[in-house]
Amino acid sequence: MKLNLKIWRQNGPQDKGEMKTYPIDGVDGDMSFLEMMDMLNNQLVESGESPVAFDHDCREGICGMCSLYINGEAHGPDRGVTTCQLHMRKFNDGDTIYIEPWRAKAFPVIKDLVVDRSSFDRIMNSGGFVSVNTSGNTVDANSIPIPKDDADKAFEAATCIGCGACVASCKNASAMLFVSAKVSQLSLLPQGKVEAKERVLNMVQTMDDEGFGNCTNTGACEVECPKGISLENIARMNREYLKGALTK
């Protein structure tokens, strides 16, 4: 395939960025999107130009690093996949593809398509953990009866990889889906109930302090989430927050 790539280029957080056009030829439909980006960067380096900076790590849909906004959609025009799992067969010969970084105040651009998502780390540091020592104590974990429905919901919430697609797709750049998934996976299990009240209050406060917007229940986050995290988690987090606020 021959493609016309329009890519956001920005040298640093304080620099003014712009869209630049790069034609590319010989793209195979079986390539992943990131392999196509590698191919482009090889061409740029060989021609003496600066390669396009973009995040990647596992390339197996696990780490959440490969966060790109492709043709106006987080992770591109497929569902239930990260950018590294998106294949070029989703595009047609002659297509123009717009590639941008996540757009959110709390995710400042570092360079080109790379954004700083350390705000997620600070949210996790404020409460996304348990104080119960579970290291090596598998007997304790197996001896506590847990309803299967609760275990399933906790496991589903725990599949969140923190990529930030929910933030990028939300018109308010809300992180509610991410935070609610982390609150849910812990609040549903016995080990997470010890500091449940402090956890949800601290994580929501940190989320607000980081500059994320509020949720308006449009559902774009759930649609674009590569792991299918449900909006049900936001409702659960709101209940946990209300309970914590009323009893603190």
Protein backbone atom coordinates (compact mmCIF):
# COMPACT_ATOMS: atom_id res chain seq x y z
CA MET A 1 0.00 0.00 0.00
CA LYS A 2 0.89 3.61 -0.52
CA LEU A 3 -0.19 5.81 2.35
CA ASN A 4 -0.10 9.49 3.22
CA LEU A 5 0.77 9.98 6.89
CA LYS A 6 -0.01 13.24 8.67
CA ILE A 7 1.88 13.11 11.96
CA TRP A 8 2.07 15.53 14.88
CA ARG A 9 5.66 16.70 15.38
CA GLN A 10 6.67 18.63 18.50
CA ASN A 11 10.23 18.97 19.79
CA GLY A 12 9.33 19.45 23.44
CA PRO A 13 6.64 20.40 25.97
CA GLN A 14 7.20 24.12 25.50
CA ASP A 15 7.50 24.06 21.70
CA LYS A 16 4.75 24.70 19.21
CA GLY A 17 3.87 21.55 17.32
CA GLU A 18 2.51 21.02 13.84
CA MET A 19 1.21 18.31 11.55
CA LYS A 20 3.74 17.14 8.98
CA THR A 21 3.07 14.97 5.95
CA TYR A 22 5.07 11.82 5.16
CA PRO A 23 4.31 9.61 2.15
CA ILE A 24 5.15 5.94 2.62
CA ASP A 25 5.12 3.08 0.12
CA GLY A 26 5.37 -0.71 0.37
CA VAL A 27 3.22 -1.10 3.49
CA ASP A 28 2.00 -4.68 3.91
CA GLY A 29 -1.48 -5.32 5.29
CA ASP A 30 -0.07 -7.88 7.75
CA MET A 31 2.16 -5.26 9.38
CA SER A 32 1.13 -3.91 12.76
CA PHE A 33 0.68 -0.16 13.00
CA LEU A 34 3.90 0.14 14.99
CA GLU A 35 5.82 -1.88 12.40
CA MET A 36 4.61 0.63 9.84
CA MET A 37 5.91 3.43 12.09
CA ASP A 38 9.25 1.61 12.36
CA MET A 39 9.37 1.44 8.58
CA LEU A 40 8.72 5.18 8.34
CA ASN A 41 11.42 5.95 10.92
CA ASN A 42 13.95 3.84 9.02
CA GLN A 43 13.24 5.91 5.93
CA LEU A 44 13.52 9.17 7.88
CA VAL A 45 16.87 8.16 9.43
CA GLU A 46 18.25 7.07 6.06
CA SER A 47 17.26 10.43 4.57
CA GLY A 48 18.88 12.35 7.45
CA GLU A 49 15.64 13.41 9.14
CA SER A 50 14.70 13.04 12.78
CA PRO A 51 12.62 9.91 13.47
CA VAL A 52 9.14 10.23 14.94
CA ALA A 53 9.13 9.64 18.70
CA PHE A 54 6.39 7.27 19.88
CA ASP A 55 5.89 5.06 22.94
CA HIS A 56 6.09 1.27 22.76
CA ASP A 57 7.25 -1.65 24.86
CA CYS A 58 5.71 -5.13 24.89
CA ARG A 59 3.91 -4.93 21.52
CA GLU A 60 1.53 -7.60 22.79
CA GLY A 61 -1.35 -5.47 24.06
CA ILE A 62 -0.27 -5.78 27.68
CA CYS A 63 1.71 -2.69 28.74
CA GLY A 64 -0.48 0.13 27.35
CA MET A 65 2.50 2.18 26.20
CA CYS A 66 1.61 2.36 22.48
CA SER A 67 -0.93 5.14 22.87
CA LEU A 68 -1.73 6.90 19.60
CA TYR A 69 -4.72 8.86 18.38
CA ILE A 70 -5.34 7.56 14.87
CA ASN A 71 -7.88 9.19 12.54
CA GLY A 72 -9.70 10.66 15.53
CA GLU A 73 -9.89 7.41 17.52
CA ALA A 74 -7.84 6.21 20.46
CA HIS A 75 -5.78 3.20 19.29
CA GLY A 76 -7.29 3.50 15.81
CA PRO A 77 -10.29 2.13 13.89
CA ASP A 78 -10.52 -1.27 15.57
CA ARG A 79 -12.14 -2.34 18.85
CA GLY A 80 -10.64 -4.23 21.77
CA VAL A 81 -7.06 -3.69 20.59
CA THR A 82 -4.13 -1.47 21.45
CA THR A 83 -2.18 0.35 18.73
CA CYS A 84 0.43 -2.43 18.60
CA GLN A 85 -2.36 -4.93 17.86
CA LEU A 86 -3.85 -2.78 15.09
CA HIS A 87 -2.96 -4.15 11.66
CA MET A 88 -2.55 -2.18 8.46
CA ARG A 89 -5.23 -4.28 6.75
CA LYS A 90 -7.68 -1.93 8.47
CA PHE A 91 -6.56 0.74 5.99
CA ASN A 92 -6.75 0.98 2.21
CA ASP A 93 -4.22 1.83 -0.47
CA GLY A 94 -4.04 5.60 -0.89
CA ASP A 95 -5.48 6.42 2.54
CA THR A 96 -4.47 9.51 4.49
CA ILE A 97 -3.88 8.64 8.14
CA TYR A 98 -3.79 11.28 10.88
CA ILE A 99 -1.59 10.30 13.84
CA GLU A 100 -1.60 12.40 17.02
CA PRO A 101 -0.66 12.06 20.71
CA TRP A 102 -3.22 11.88 23.49
CA ARG A 103 -4.78 15.32 23.98
CA ALA A 104 -5.26 16.17 27.65
CA LYS A 105 -3.99 18.82 30.04
CA ALA A 106 -2.88 16.09 32.44
CA PHE A 107 -0.93 14.33 29.64
CA PRO A 108 1.55 16.99 28.44
CA VAL A 109 3.44 16.18 25.25
CA ILE A 110 7.08 15.19 25.82
CA LYS A 111 8.00 14.89 22.15
CA ASP A 112 6.02 14.16 18.99
CA LEU A 113 3.59 11.36 19.89
CA VAL A 114 4.96 10.71 23.40
CA VAL A 115 3.03 12.12 26.35
CA ASP A 116 3.78 12.21 30.07
CA ARG A 117 1.31 9.89 31.83
CA SER A 118 2.98 10.07 35.23
CA SER A 119 -0.26 11.62 36.54
CA PHE A 120 -1.65 8.07 36.49
CA ASP A 121 1.29 6.95 38.63
CA ARG A 122 0.57 9.68 41.17
CA ILE A 123 -3.08 8.62 41.33
CA MET A 124 -2.01 5.04 41.99
CA ASN A 125 0.51 6.13 44.61
CA SER A 126 -2.23 7.96 46.49
CA GLY A 127 -4.29 4.82 47.10
CA GLY A 128 -4.02 2.09 44.50
CA PHE A 129 -2.54 -0.51 46.83
CA VAL A 130 -3.35 -2.75 49.80
CA SER A 131 -1.61 -2.71 53.18
CA VAL A 132 -2.33 -6.40 53.83
CA ASN A 133 0.79 -8.50 53.38
CA THR A 134 -0.12 -11.05 50.71
CA SER A 135 3.45 -11.92 49.73
CA GLY A 136 3.91 -15.65 50.10
CA ASN A 137 0.66 -16.00 52.07
CA THR A 138 -1.31 -17.86 49.44
CA VAL A 139 -3.00 -19.94 52.14
CA ASP A 140 -4.66 -16.81 53.51
CA ALA A 141 -5.87 -15.81 50.07
CA ASN A 142 -7.34 -19.21 49.38
CA SER A 143 -9.02 -19.51 52.78
CA ILE A 144 -11.25 -16.44 52.39
CA PRO A 145 -14.52 -17.21 50.58
CA ILE A 146 -15.29 -14.69 47.84
CA PRO A 147 -18.51 -14.67 45.80
CA LYS A 148 -17.73 -15.64 42.21
CA ASP A 149 -19.56 -12.58 40.89
CA ASP A 150 -17.31 -10.30 42.98
CA ALA A 151 -14.17 -12.17 41.94
CA ASP A 152 -15.15 -11.96 38.26
CA LYS A 153 -15.85 -8.23 38.46
CA ALA A 154 -12.58 -7.58 40.30
CA PHE A 155 -10.68 -9.56 37.68
CA GLU A 156 -12.40 -7.68 34.84
CA ALA A 157 -11.51 -4.33 36.43
CA ALA A 158 -7.91 -5.48 36.95
CA THR A 159 -7.46 -5.93 33.19
CA CYS A 160 -7.10 -2.13 32.87
CA ILE A 161 -3.60 -1.45 31.51
CA GLY A 162 -3.58 2.29 32.20
CA CYS A 163 -3.04 3.29 28.57
CA GLY A 164 -5.11 6.47 28.87
CA ALA A 165 -7.45 5.81 25.92
CA CYS A 166 -10.37 6.67 28.19
CA VAL A 167 -8.88 10.11 28.84
CA ALA A 168 -8.03 10.71 25.19
CA SER A 169 -11.52 9.80 23.98
CA CYS A 170 -13.42 11.78 26.62
CA LYS A 171 -14.51 15.30 25.67
CA ASN A 172 -13.63 16.36 29.23
CA ALA A 173 -10.38 14.37 29.40
CA SER A 174 -11.80 12.49 32.37
CA ALA A 175 -9.85 9.71 34.07
CA MET A 176 -12.91 8.31 35.82
CA LEU A 177 -12.84 4.97 33.99
CA PHE A 178 -9.19 4.37 34.87
CA VAL A 179 -9.57 5.38 38.51
CA SER A 180 -12.82 3.47 38.93
CA ALA A 181 -11.23 0.31 37.55
CA LYS A 182 -8.41 0.55 40.08
CA VAL A 183 -10.81 1.31 42.93
CA SER A 184 -13.12 -1.54 41.89
CA GLN A 185 -10.49 -4.25 41.63
CA LEU A 186 -9.51 -3.60 45.24
CA SER A 187 -12.83 -2.66 46.84
CA LEU A 188 -14.47 -5.89 45.67
CA LEU A 189 -11.93 -8.10 47.45
CA PRO A 190 -11.42 -8.61 51.23
CA GLN A 191 -7.75 -7.54 51.11
CA GLY A 192 -8.76 -4.16 49.71
CA LYS A 193 -11.43 -3.30 52.26
CA VAL A 194 -9.02 -2.30 55.04
CA GLU A 195 -8.33 1.16 53.60
CA ALA A 196 -11.28 1.31 51.15
CA LYS A 197 -12.53 4.68 52.44
CA GLU A 198 -9.16 6.43 52.34
CA ARG A 199 -8.34 4.88 48.97
CA VAL A 200 -11.28 6.23 47.01
CA LEU A 201 -11.15 9.67 48.66
CA ASN A 202 -7.42 10.05 48.03
CA MET A 203 -7.47 8.74 44.46
CA VAL A 204 -10.38 10.93 43.40
CA GLN A 205 -8.77 13.97 45.04
CA THR A 206 -5.47 13.29 43.27
CA MET A 207 -7.31 12.80 39.97
CA ASP A 208 -8.91 16.24 40.39
CA ASP A 209 -5.61 17.83 41.43
CA GLU A 210 -3.92 16.46 38.30
CA GLY A 211 -6.36 18.38 36.10
CA PHE A 212 -8.54 15.60 34.70
CA GLY A 213 -12.11 16.55 33.84
CA ASN A 214 -15.33 15.10 35.20
CA CYS A 215 -17.46 12.33 33.74
CA THR A 216 -20.61 13.15 31.75
CA ASN A 217 -21.58 9.54 30.99
CA THR A 218 -21.26 9.76 27.21
CA GLY A 219 -19.63 6.32 27.17
CA ALA A 220 -16.82 7.13 24.73
CA CYS A 221 -14.28 5.81 27.24
CA GLU A 222 -15.86 2.35 27.37
CA VAL A 223 -16.12 2.18 23.58
CA GLU A 224 -12.44 3.06 23.00
CA CYS A 225 -11.00 1.08 25.93
CA PRO A 226 -8.87 -1.75 24.49
CA LYS A 227 -9.76 -3.96 27.46
CA GLY A 228 -13.50 -3.22 27.52
CA ILE A 229 -13.57 -1.76 31.03
CA SER A 230 -17.23 -1.20 31.91
CA LEU A 231 -18.90 2.06 32.96
CA GLU A 232 -20.31 0.00 35.82
CA ASN A 233 -17.02 0.64 37.59
CA ILE A 234 -17.65 4.39 37.60
CA ALA A 235 -21.01 3.82 39.32
CA ARG A 236 -19.29 1.59 41.87
CA MET A 237 -16.59 4.20 42.51
CA ASN A 238 -19.22 6.91 43.01
CA ARG A 239 -20.96 4.72 45.61
CA GLU A 240 -17.64 4.05 47.34
CA TYR A 241 -16.81 7.75 47.30
CA LEU A 242 -20.17 8.76 48.77
CA LYS A 243 -19.84 6.12 51.47
CA GLY A 244 -16.33 7.28 52.29
CA ALA A 245 -17.23 10.97 52.33
CA LEU A 246 -20.19 10.43 54.67
CA THR A 247 -18.26 8.35 57.18
CA LYS A 248 -14.86 10.04 57.30
